[in-house]
Amino acid sequence: MCKIVLVTGGARSGKSQYAEQLALSMSSNPVYIATAHIWDDEFRERVRRHQERRGPEWTNIEEEKLLSRHQLVGRVVLIDCITLWCTNFFVEQQEAQSSLRALQSEFDKFTAQDATFIFVTNEIGMGGVSDNAIQRQFTDLQGWMNQYVAQRADEVILMVSGIPVPIKTPLA
């Protein structure tokens, strides 16, 4: 049976660390899917440090867009993060609605398999409204995708200053 957990919050709120600890509490060999596109050397080094910090118990997969091509039945899978995943679609399509449809379709295909999924995302819309039209479109896309995932999630946790705050809990 599929289980979906969404871990959300602001920048440097402890989302990824919490999600990693959660995944390790569920499995001794979880899968980590990194959705980041490597833009430059600084970011490449950041990715390398993250992989090194996670350790050998993790199966690391780099996948910018097509999560569903990975068959992970029976595994605990951490996807970090929805924000970068949305970016990869938005950069290609340059339009929020078509990007959203593509993301929703890919999300549905990916989560159709029997696995436990832990998605990490950012609450970028909590910081105000940008004066940049493209940034406003992306903020809309990100917010709509977060809502889509949260509605389908069994559990949603908001990270605030390193503290997990349950927003949506599983039905008992």
N, C-alpha and C. Protein backbone atom coordinates (compact mmCIF):
# COMPACT_ATOMS: atom_id res chain seq x y z
N MET A 1 0.84 -1.19 0.00
CA MET A 1 0.00 0.00 0.00
C MET A 1 0.88 1.25 0.00
N CYS A 2 0.53 2.23 -0.78
CA CYS A 2 1.27 3.48 -0.90
C CYS A 2 1.03 4.35 0.33
N LYS A 3 2.09 4.94 0.83
CA LYS A 3 2.00 5.92 1.91
C LYS A 3 2.78 7.14 1.45
N ILE A 4 2.19 8.34 1.66
CA ILE A 4 2.83 9.59 1.27
C ILE A 4 2.94 10.50 2.49
N VAL A 5 4.15 10.99 2.74
CA VAL A 5 4.41 11.96 3.80
C VAL A 5 4.99 13.20 3.13
N LEU A 6 4.48 14.36 3.49
CA LEU A 6 5.00 15.64 2.99
C LEU A 6 5.63 16.40 4.15
N VAL A 7 6.90 16.80 3.96
CA VAL A 7 7.61 17.60 4.95
C VAL A 7 7.85 18.96 4.30
N THR A 8 7.29 20.00 4.91
CA THR A 8 7.34 21.33 4.32
C THR A 8 7.85 22.35 5.33
N GLY A 9 8.23 23.52 4.84
CA GLY A 9 8.69 24.58 5.72
C GLY A 9 9.54 25.57 4.96
N GLY A 10 10.08 26.52 5.66
CA GLY A 10 10.92 27.55 5.06
C GLY A 10 12.35 27.08 4.85
N ALA A 11 13.14 27.94 4.25
CA ALA A 11 14.55 27.64 4.02
C ALA A 11 15.26 27.42 5.35
N ARG A 12 16.09 26.41 5.40
CA ARG A 12 16.91 26.06 6.58
C ARG A 12 16.06 25.81 7.83
N SER A 13 14.86 25.27 7.64
CA SER A 13 13.98 24.97 8.78
C SER A 13 14.21 23.58 9.34
N GLY A 14 15.05 22.77 8.69
CA GLY A 14 15.32 21.42 9.16
C GLY A 14 14.55 20.35 8.41
N LYS A 15 13.96 20.70 7.28
CA LYS A 15 13.12 19.76 6.51
C LYS A 15 13.87 18.50 6.08
N SER A 16 14.99 18.69 5.41
CA SER A 16 15.71 17.55 4.86
C SER A 16 16.25 16.64 5.96
N GLN A 17 16.82 17.22 6.99
CA GLN A 17 17.35 16.41 8.08
C GLN A 17 16.24 15.61 8.75
N TYR A 18 15.10 16.24 8.99
CA TYR A 18 13.97 15.54 9.58
C TYR A 18 13.51 14.39 8.67
N ALA A 19 13.38 14.68 7.37
CA ALA A 19 12.92 13.66 6.42
C ALA A 19 13.90 12.49 6.35
N GLU A 20 15.19 12.79 6.39
CA GLU A 20 16.19 11.72 6.38
C GLU A 20 16.08 10.85 7.62
N GLN A 21 15.92 11.46 8.79
CA GLN A 21 15.77 10.70 10.03
C GLN A 21 14.50 9.85 9.99
N LEU A 22 13.42 10.42 9.45
CA LEU A 22 12.18 9.68 9.31
C LEU A 22 12.36 8.46 8.41
N ALA A 23 13.00 8.66 7.26
CA ALA A 23 13.24 7.55 6.33
C ALA A 23 14.07 6.46 6.99
N LEU A 24 15.12 6.84 7.70
CA LEU A 24 15.98 5.86 8.37
C LEU A 24 15.25 5.14 9.50
N SER A 25 14.25 5.78 10.09
CA SER A 25 13.46 5.11 11.14
C SER A 25 12.53 4.06 10.54
N MET A 26 12.27 4.16 9.23
CA MET A 26 11.36 3.23 8.55
C MET A 26 12.10 2.14 7.78
N SER A 27 13.39 2.38 7.48
CA SER A 27 14.14 1.44 6.65
C SER A 27 15.64 1.56 6.94
N SER A 28 16.31 0.43 6.90
CA SER A 28 17.77 0.46 7.07
C SER A 28 18.49 0.78 5.78
N ASN A 29 17.76 0.78 4.66
CA ASN A 29 18.37 1.10 3.35
C ASN A 29 17.39 1.89 2.48
N PRO A 30 17.09 3.13 2.90
CA PRO A 30 16.15 3.94 2.12
C PRO A 30 16.76 4.44 0.81
N VAL A 31 15.88 4.92 -0.06
CA VAL A 31 16.27 5.49 -1.34
C VAL A 31 16.17 7.00 -1.23
N TYR A 32 17.16 7.70 -1.77
CA TYR A 32 17.15 9.16 -1.80
C TYR A 32 17.12 9.59 -3.25
N ILE A 33 16.03 10.25 -3.66
CA ILE A 33 15.95 10.80 -5.01
C ILE A 33 16.17 12.30 -4.93
N ALA A 34 17.27 12.75 -5.55
CA ALA A 34 17.60 14.17 -5.60
C ALA A 34 17.12 14.72 -6.92
N THR A 35 16.31 15.76 -6.88
CA THR A 35 15.72 16.33 -8.09
C THR A 35 16.50 17.53 -8.61
N ALA A 36 17.58 17.88 -7.96
CA ALA A 36 18.32 19.09 -8.31
C ALA A 36 19.01 18.98 -9.66
N HIS A 37 18.96 20.06 -10.40
CA HIS A 37 19.79 20.23 -11.60
C HIS A 37 21.06 20.91 -11.13
N ILE A 38 22.19 20.38 -11.52
CA ILE A 38 23.47 20.96 -11.11
C ILE A 38 23.77 22.15 -12.01
N TRP A 39 23.64 23.37 -11.46
CA TRP A 39 23.80 24.60 -12.24
C TRP A 39 25.24 25.08 -12.32
N ASP A 40 26.02 24.84 -11.25
CA ASP A 40 27.38 25.38 -11.22
C ASP A 40 28.24 24.56 -10.25
N ASP A 41 29.50 24.91 -10.15
CA ASP A 41 30.45 24.17 -9.32
C ASP A 41 30.11 24.24 -7.83
N GLU A 42 29.65 25.40 -7.38
CA GLU A 42 29.28 25.54 -5.96
C GLU A 42 28.16 24.58 -5.62
N PHE A 43 27.15 24.49 -6.50
CA PHE A 43 26.03 23.59 -6.23
C PHE A 43 26.47 22.13 -6.33
N ARG A 44 27.35 21.82 -7.26
CA ARG A 44 27.89 20.46 -7.40
C ARG A 44 28.57 20.04 -6.10
N GLU A 45 29.33 20.95 -5.51
CA GLU A 45 30.01 20.66 -4.24
C GLU A 45 28.99 20.47 -3.11
N ARG A 46 27.94 21.26 -3.10
CA ARG A 46 26.89 21.12 -2.10
C ARG A 46 26.24 19.74 -2.20
N VAL A 47 25.95 19.29 -3.42
CA VAL A 47 25.36 17.96 -3.64
C VAL A 47 26.33 16.88 -3.14
N ARG A 48 27.61 17.02 -3.45
CA ARG A 48 28.60 16.04 -3.02
C ARG A 48 28.63 15.93 -1.49
N ARG A 49 28.62 17.08 -0.81
CA ARG A 49 28.63 17.08 0.66
C ARG A 49 27.38 16.41 1.22
N HIS A 50 26.24 16.66 0.60
CA HIS A 50 25.00 16.03 1.06
C HIS A 50 25.06 14.51 0.90
N GLN A 51 25.54 14.05 -0.24
CA GLN A 51 25.66 12.60 -0.47
C GLN A 51 26.60 11.97 0.55
N GLU A 52 27.71 12.62 0.80
CA GLU A 52 28.70 12.12 1.76
C GLU A 52 28.11 12.06 3.17
N ARG A 53 27.36 13.10 3.54
CA ARG A 53 26.75 13.16 4.87
C ARG A 53 25.74 12.04 5.08
N ARG A 54 25.00 11.69 4.03
CA ARG A 54 23.97 10.67 4.17
C ARG A 54 24.54 9.31 4.47
N GLY A 55 25.65 8.95 3.89
CA GLY A 55 26.27 7.67 4.20
C GLY A 55 25.87 6.55 3.26
N PRO A 56 26.52 5.38 3.44
CA PRO A 56 26.39 4.26 2.51
C PRO A 56 25.06 3.50 2.61
N GLU A 57 24.30 3.70 3.66
CA GLU A 57 23.02 2.98 3.78
C GLU A 57 21.97 3.46 2.78
N TRP A 58 22.21 4.61 2.16
CA TRP A 58 21.27 5.19 1.22
C TRP A 58 21.56 4.72 -0.20
N THR A 59 20.51 4.47 -0.97
CA THR A 59 20.61 4.31 -2.41
C THR A 59 20.32 5.68 -3.00
N ASN A 60 21.31 6.30 -3.64
CA ASN A 60 21.15 7.65 -4.19
C ASN A 60 20.79 7.60 -5.67
N ILE A 61 19.74 8.33 -6.03
CA ILE A 61 19.31 8.45 -7.42
C ILE A 61 19.20 9.93 -7.75
N GLU A 62 19.84 10.33 -8.82
CA GLU A 62 19.72 11.71 -9.31
C GLU A 62 18.68 11.68 -10.43
N GLU A 63 17.56 12.38 -10.25
CA GLU A 63 16.49 12.38 -11.25
C GLU A 63 15.82 13.74 -11.26
N GLU A 64 16.03 14.48 -12.31
CA GLU A 64 15.51 15.85 -12.39
C GLU A 64 14.02 15.94 -12.68
N LYS A 65 13.47 14.98 -13.41
CA LYS A 65 12.07 15.13 -13.82
C LYS A 65 11.25 13.85 -13.74
N LEU A 66 11.70 12.78 -14.35
CA LEU A 66 10.86 11.59 -14.55
C LEU A 66 11.02 10.58 -13.42
N LEU A 67 10.44 10.92 -12.29
CA LEU A 67 10.52 10.06 -11.11
C LEU A 67 9.93 8.69 -11.39
N SER A 68 8.90 8.64 -12.20
CA SER A 68 8.17 7.39 -12.42
C SER A 68 8.96 6.34 -13.19
N ARG A 69 10.08 6.70 -13.76
CA ARG A 69 10.87 5.68 -14.45
C ARG A 69 11.63 4.79 -13.47
N HIS A 70 11.57 5.14 -12.19
CA HIS A 70 12.24 4.34 -11.15
C HIS A 70 11.20 3.48 -10.43
N GLN A 71 11.35 2.18 -10.52
CA GLN A 71 10.44 1.26 -9.86
C GLN A 71 11.00 0.93 -8.47
N LEU A 72 10.28 1.36 -7.44
CA LEU A 72 10.79 1.28 -6.08
C LEU A 72 9.78 0.61 -5.15
N VAL A 73 9.08 -0.38 -5.66
CA VAL A 73 8.06 -1.09 -4.89
C VAL A 73 8.68 -1.64 -3.60
N GLY A 74 7.97 -1.42 -2.49
CA GLY A 74 8.39 -1.94 -1.20
C GLY A 74 9.48 -1.13 -0.52
N ARG A 75 9.92 -0.05 -1.11
CA ARG A 75 11.02 0.75 -0.55
C ARG A 75 10.48 2.00 0.15
N VAL A 76 11.31 2.56 1.00
CA VAL A 76 11.07 3.88 1.58
C VAL A 76 11.89 4.85 0.74
N VAL A 77 11.21 5.86 0.17
CA VAL A 77 11.82 6.74 -0.81
C VAL A 77 11.67 8.19 -0.36
N LEU A 78 12.79 8.88 -0.21
CA LEU A 78 12.79 10.29 0.13
C LEU A 78 13.05 11.08 -1.15
N ILE A 79 12.16 12.00 -1.48
CA ILE A 79 12.31 12.85 -2.67
C ILE A 79 12.60 14.26 -2.19
N ASP A 80 13.78 14.77 -2.54
CA ASP A 80 14.21 16.09 -2.07
C ASP A 80 14.70 16.88 -3.27
N CYS A 81 13.96 17.81 -3.78
CA CYS A 81 12.73 18.31 -3.21
C CYS A 81 11.73 18.68 -4.32
N ILE A 82 10.51 18.89 -3.94
CA ILE A 82 9.46 19.29 -4.88
C ILE A 82 9.79 20.64 -5.52
N THR A 83 10.38 21.56 -4.76
CA THR A 83 10.69 22.88 -5.29
C THR A 83 11.63 22.80 -6.48
N LEU A 84 12.71 22.05 -6.34
CA LEU A 84 13.65 21.90 -7.46
C LEU A 84 13.03 21.10 -8.60
N TRP A 85 12.20 20.12 -8.27
CA TRP A 85 11.49 19.35 -9.28
C TRP A 85 10.58 20.27 -10.10
N CYS A 86 9.83 21.14 -9.42
CA CYS A 86 8.99 22.13 -10.11
C CYS A 86 9.84 23.04 -11.00
N THR A 87 10.98 23.46 -10.48
CA THR A 87 11.88 24.32 -11.25
C THR A 87 12.26 23.68 -12.57
N ASN A 88 12.57 22.39 -12.55
CA ASN A 88 13.00 21.69 -13.76
C ASN A 88 11.91 21.68 -14.84
N PHE A 89 10.66 21.55 -14.43
CA PHE A 89 9.56 21.61 -15.39
C PHE A 89 9.32 23.03 -15.86
N PHE A 90 9.36 23.99 -14.91
CA PHE A 90 9.07 25.39 -15.22
C PHE A 90 10.11 25.99 -16.17
N VAL A 91 11.38 25.68 -15.96
CA VAL A 91 12.45 26.20 -16.82
C VAL A 91 12.23 25.74 -18.26
N GLU A 92 11.78 24.51 -18.41
CA GLU A 92 11.55 23.97 -19.75
C GLU A 92 10.29 24.54 -20.39
N GLN A 93 9.20 24.66 -19.61
CA GLN A 93 7.91 25.04 -20.19
C GLN A 93 7.63 26.53 -20.11
N GLN A 94 8.23 27.23 -19.16
CA GLN A 94 8.07 28.68 -18.99
C GLN A 94 6.61 29.10 -18.77
N GLU A 95 5.82 28.21 -18.21
CA GLU A 95 4.41 28.52 -18.00
C GLU A 95 3.90 27.66 -16.85
N ALA A 96 3.20 28.28 -15.90
CA ALA A 96 2.82 27.60 -14.68
C ALA A 96 1.78 26.50 -14.90
N GLN A 97 0.73 26.77 -15.64
CA GLN A 97 -0.36 25.78 -15.78
C GLN A 97 0.09 24.50 -16.49
N SER A 98 0.83 24.63 -17.59
CA SER A 98 1.29 23.43 -18.29
C SER A 98 2.32 22.68 -17.45
N SER A 99 3.15 23.40 -16.72
CA SER A 99 4.11 22.76 -15.82
C SER A 99 3.37 22.00 -14.72
N LEU A 100 2.33 22.62 -14.17
CA LEU A 100 1.56 21.98 -13.11
C LEU A 100 0.92 20.69 -13.60
N ARG A 101 0.31 20.72 -14.77
CA ARG A 101 -0.31 19.50 -15.32
C ARG A 101 0.72 18.38 -15.50
N ALA A 102 1.89 18.72 -16.01
CA ALA A 102 2.95 17.73 -16.20
C ALA A 102 3.43 17.17 -14.86
N LEU A 103 3.61 18.04 -13.88
CA LEU A 103 4.04 17.60 -12.55
C LEU A 103 3.00 16.70 -11.89
N GLN A 104 1.73 17.09 -11.97
CA GLN A 104 0.68 16.27 -11.37
C GLN A 104 0.61 14.90 -12.01
N SER A 105 0.72 14.85 -13.32
CA SER A 105 0.69 13.57 -14.03
C SER A 105 1.87 12.69 -13.60
N GLU A 106 3.05 13.27 -13.54
CA GLU A 106 4.24 12.52 -13.15
C GLU A 106 4.14 12.07 -11.69
N PHE A 107 3.64 12.93 -10.81
CA PHE A 107 3.44 12.56 -9.41
C PHE A 107 2.50 11.37 -9.30
N ASP A 108 1.38 11.42 -10.02
CA ASP A 108 0.41 10.33 -9.95
C ASP A 108 0.99 9.01 -10.46
N LYS A 109 1.76 9.06 -11.54
CA LYS A 109 2.40 7.85 -12.06
C LYS A 109 3.41 7.29 -11.05
N PHE A 110 4.20 8.17 -10.49
CA PHE A 110 5.24 7.74 -9.55
C PHE A 110 4.64 7.13 -8.29
N THR A 111 3.64 7.77 -7.71
CA THR A 111 3.07 7.30 -6.44
C THR A 111 2.03 6.21 -6.62
N ALA A 112 1.84 5.73 -7.85
CA ALA A 112 0.93 4.60 -8.08
C ALA A 112 1.56 3.29 -7.60
N GLN A 113 2.87 3.28 -7.40
CA GLN A 113 3.53 2.05 -6.95
C GLN A 113 3.43 1.92 -5.43
N ASP A 114 3.50 0.69 -4.97
CA ASP A 114 3.37 0.35 -3.56
C ASP A 114 4.70 0.62 -2.85
N ALA A 115 4.83 1.82 -2.29
CA ALA A 115 6.05 2.23 -1.60
C ALA A 115 5.67 3.31 -0.59
N THR A 116 6.63 3.67 0.25
CA THR A 116 6.46 4.79 1.17
C THR A 116 7.27 5.96 0.60
N PHE A 117 6.59 7.07 0.38
CA PHE A 117 7.21 8.25 -0.22
C PHE A 117 7.25 9.38 0.80
N ILE A 118 8.42 9.97 0.97
CA ILE A 118 8.58 11.14 1.83
C ILE A 118 9.04 12.28 0.92
N PHE A 119 8.17 13.24 0.69
CA PHE A 119 8.48 14.39 -0.16
C PHE A 119 8.87 15.57 0.71
N VAL A 120 9.92 16.27 0.30
CA VAL A 120 10.34 17.50 0.97
C VAL A 120 10.01 18.66 0.03
N THR A 121 9.50 19.75 0.60
CA THR A 121 9.17 20.92 -0.21
C THR A 121 9.40 22.20 0.60
N ASN A 122 9.39 23.31 -0.10
CA ASN A 122 9.57 24.63 0.52
C ASN A 122 8.26 25.41 0.46
N GLU A 123 8.05 26.22 1.47
CA GLU A 123 6.91 27.14 1.50
C GLU A 123 7.41 28.50 1.03
N ILE A 124 7.67 28.62 -0.27
CA ILE A 124 8.27 29.87 -0.76
C ILE A 124 7.28 31.02 -0.78
N GLY A 125 6.00 30.76 -0.78
CA GLY A 125 5.00 31.82 -0.83
C GLY A 125 4.76 32.51 0.49
N MET A 126 5.37 32.05 1.57
CA MET A 126 5.16 32.65 2.88
C MET A 126 5.94 33.94 3.06
N GLY A 127 6.86 34.22 2.13
CA GLY A 127 7.75 35.36 2.30
C GLY A 127 7.29 36.64 1.64
N GLY A 128 6.10 36.69 1.07
CA GLY A 128 5.63 37.91 0.42
C GLY A 128 5.51 37.73 -1.08
N VAL A 129 5.15 38.78 -1.76
CA VAL A 129 4.91 38.75 -3.19
C VAL A 129 6.09 39.43 -3.90
N SER A 130 6.65 38.72 -4.88
CA SER A 130 7.79 39.25 -5.63
C SER A 130 7.32 40.32 -6.62
N ASP A 131 8.21 41.25 -6.95
CA ASP A 131 7.91 42.23 -7.98
C ASP A 131 8.26 41.69 -9.37
N ASN A 132 8.76 40.46 -9.43
CA ASN A 132 9.15 39.81 -10.68
C ASN A 132 8.04 38.87 -11.16
N ALA A 133 7.53 39.09 -12.38
CA ALA A 133 6.40 38.31 -12.89
C ALA A 133 6.72 36.82 -12.99
N ILE A 134 7.91 36.49 -13.42
CA ILE A 134 8.28 35.06 -13.55
C ILE A 134 8.33 34.42 -12.17
N GLN A 135 8.88 35.12 -11.20
CA GLN A 135 8.94 34.58 -9.84
C GLN A 135 7.54 34.39 -9.28
N ARG A 136 6.62 35.30 -9.56
CA ARG A 136 5.24 35.15 -9.09
C ARG A 136 4.60 33.91 -9.73
N GLN A 137 4.86 33.69 -11.02
CA GLN A 137 4.33 32.48 -11.68
C GLN A 137 4.88 31.22 -11.03
N PHE A 138 6.19 31.23 -10.75
CA PHE A 138 6.78 30.05 -10.13
C PHE A 138 6.23 29.84 -8.72
N THR A 139 6.07 30.91 -7.96
CA THR A 139 5.51 30.80 -6.62
C THR A 139 4.11 30.20 -6.68
N ASP A 140 3.31 30.63 -7.66
CA ASP A 140 1.98 30.03 -7.85
C ASP A 140 2.08 28.54 -8.13
N LEU A 141 2.96 28.19 -9.08
CA LEU A 141 3.16 26.78 -9.44
C LEU A 141 3.55 25.97 -8.21
N GLN A 142 4.52 26.45 -7.47
CA GLN A 142 5.00 25.75 -6.29
C GLN A 142 3.87 25.57 -5.27
N GLY A 143 3.13 26.62 -5.02
CA GLY A 143 2.02 26.54 -4.07
C GLY A 143 0.95 25.56 -4.51
N TRP A 144 0.59 25.58 -5.79
CA TRP A 144 -0.43 24.65 -6.30
C TRP A 144 0.06 23.21 -6.21
N MET A 145 1.35 22.97 -6.51
CA MET A 145 1.87 21.61 -6.42
C MET A 145 1.94 21.15 -4.98
N ASN A 146 2.34 22.04 -4.08
CA ASN A 146 2.33 21.67 -2.66
C ASN A 146 0.93 21.28 -2.20
N GLN A 147 -0.08 22.04 -2.63
CA GLN A 147 -1.45 21.70 -2.26
C GLN A 147 -1.85 20.33 -2.82
N TYR A 148 -1.46 20.07 -4.07
CA TYR A 148 -1.79 18.81 -4.72
C TYR A 148 -1.21 17.64 -3.94
N VAL A 149 0.05 17.75 -3.56
CA VAL A 149 0.70 16.67 -2.82
C VAL A 149 0.10 16.56 -1.42
N ALA A 150 -0.11 17.68 -0.75
CA ALA A 150 -0.66 17.65 0.61
C ALA A 150 -2.04 17.01 0.65
N GLN A 151 -2.86 17.26 -0.35
CA GLN A 151 -4.19 16.65 -0.38
C GLN A 151 -4.11 15.14 -0.50
N ARG A 152 -3.08 14.62 -1.16
CA ARG A 152 -2.93 13.19 -1.37
C ARG A 152 -2.09 12.52 -0.28
N ALA A 153 -1.43 13.34 0.54
CA ALA A 153 -0.55 12.81 1.58
C ALA A 153 -1.35 12.24 2.74
N ASP A 154 -0.78 11.20 3.33
CA ASP A 154 -1.35 10.63 4.55
C ASP A 154 -0.94 11.46 5.76
N GLU A 155 0.19 12.13 5.64
CA GLU A 155 0.74 12.89 6.74
C GLU A 155 1.46 14.12 6.18
N VAL A 156 1.30 15.27 6.86
CA VAL A 156 2.00 16.50 6.49
C VAL A 156 2.62 17.09 7.74
N ILE A 157 3.92 17.38 7.65
CA ILE A 157 4.66 17.96 8.77
C ILE A 157 5.22 19.30 8.34
N LEU A 158 4.97 20.35 9.12
CA LEU A 158 5.54 21.68 8.89
C LEU A 158 6.73 21.83 9.83
N MET A 159 7.90 22.10 9.25
CA MET A 159 9.10 22.33 10.07
C MET A 159 9.21 23.82 10.38
N VAL A 160 9.35 24.13 11.66
CA VAL A 160 9.51 25.51 12.11
C VAL A 160 10.72 25.54 13.04
N SER A 161 11.79 26.19 12.60
CA SER A 161 13.00 26.32 13.41
C SER A 161 13.49 24.97 13.93
N GLY A 162 13.44 23.95 13.08
CA GLY A 162 13.92 22.63 13.45
C GLY A 162 12.93 21.78 14.23
N ILE A 163 11.73 22.30 14.45
CA ILE A 163 10.72 21.58 15.21
C ILE A 163 9.62 21.10 14.27
N PRO A 164 9.35 19.78 14.27
CA PRO A 164 8.28 19.26 13.42
C PRO A 164 6.90 19.54 14.05
N VAL A 165 6.04 20.18 13.25
CA VAL A 165 4.68 20.48 13.70
C VAL A 165 3.72 19.69 12.82
N PRO A 166 3.02 18.69 13.38
CA PRO A 166 2.08 17.92 12.56
C PRO A 166 0.93 18.79 12.07
N ILE A 167 0.69 18.74 10.76
CA ILE A 167 -0.39 19.50 10.15
C ILE A 167 -1.54 18.57 9.76
N LYS A 168 -1.16 17.39 9.28
CA LYS A 168 -2.13 16.38 8.86
C LYS A 168 -1.61 15.04 9.37
N THR A 169 -2.41 14.36 10.14
CA THR A 169 -1.96 13.09 10.72
C THR A 169 -2.76 11.94 10.11
N PRO A 170 -2.17 10.73 10.11
CA PRO A 170 -2.90 9.58 9.55
C PRO A 170 -4.15 9.27 10.36
N LEU A 171 -5.16 8.81 9.67
CA LEU A 171 -6.39 8.39 10.35
C LEU A 171 -6.11 7.10 11.10
N ALA A 172 -6.54 7.04 12.35
CA ALA A 172 -6.30 5.85 13.17
C ALA A 172 -7.31 4.77 12.90
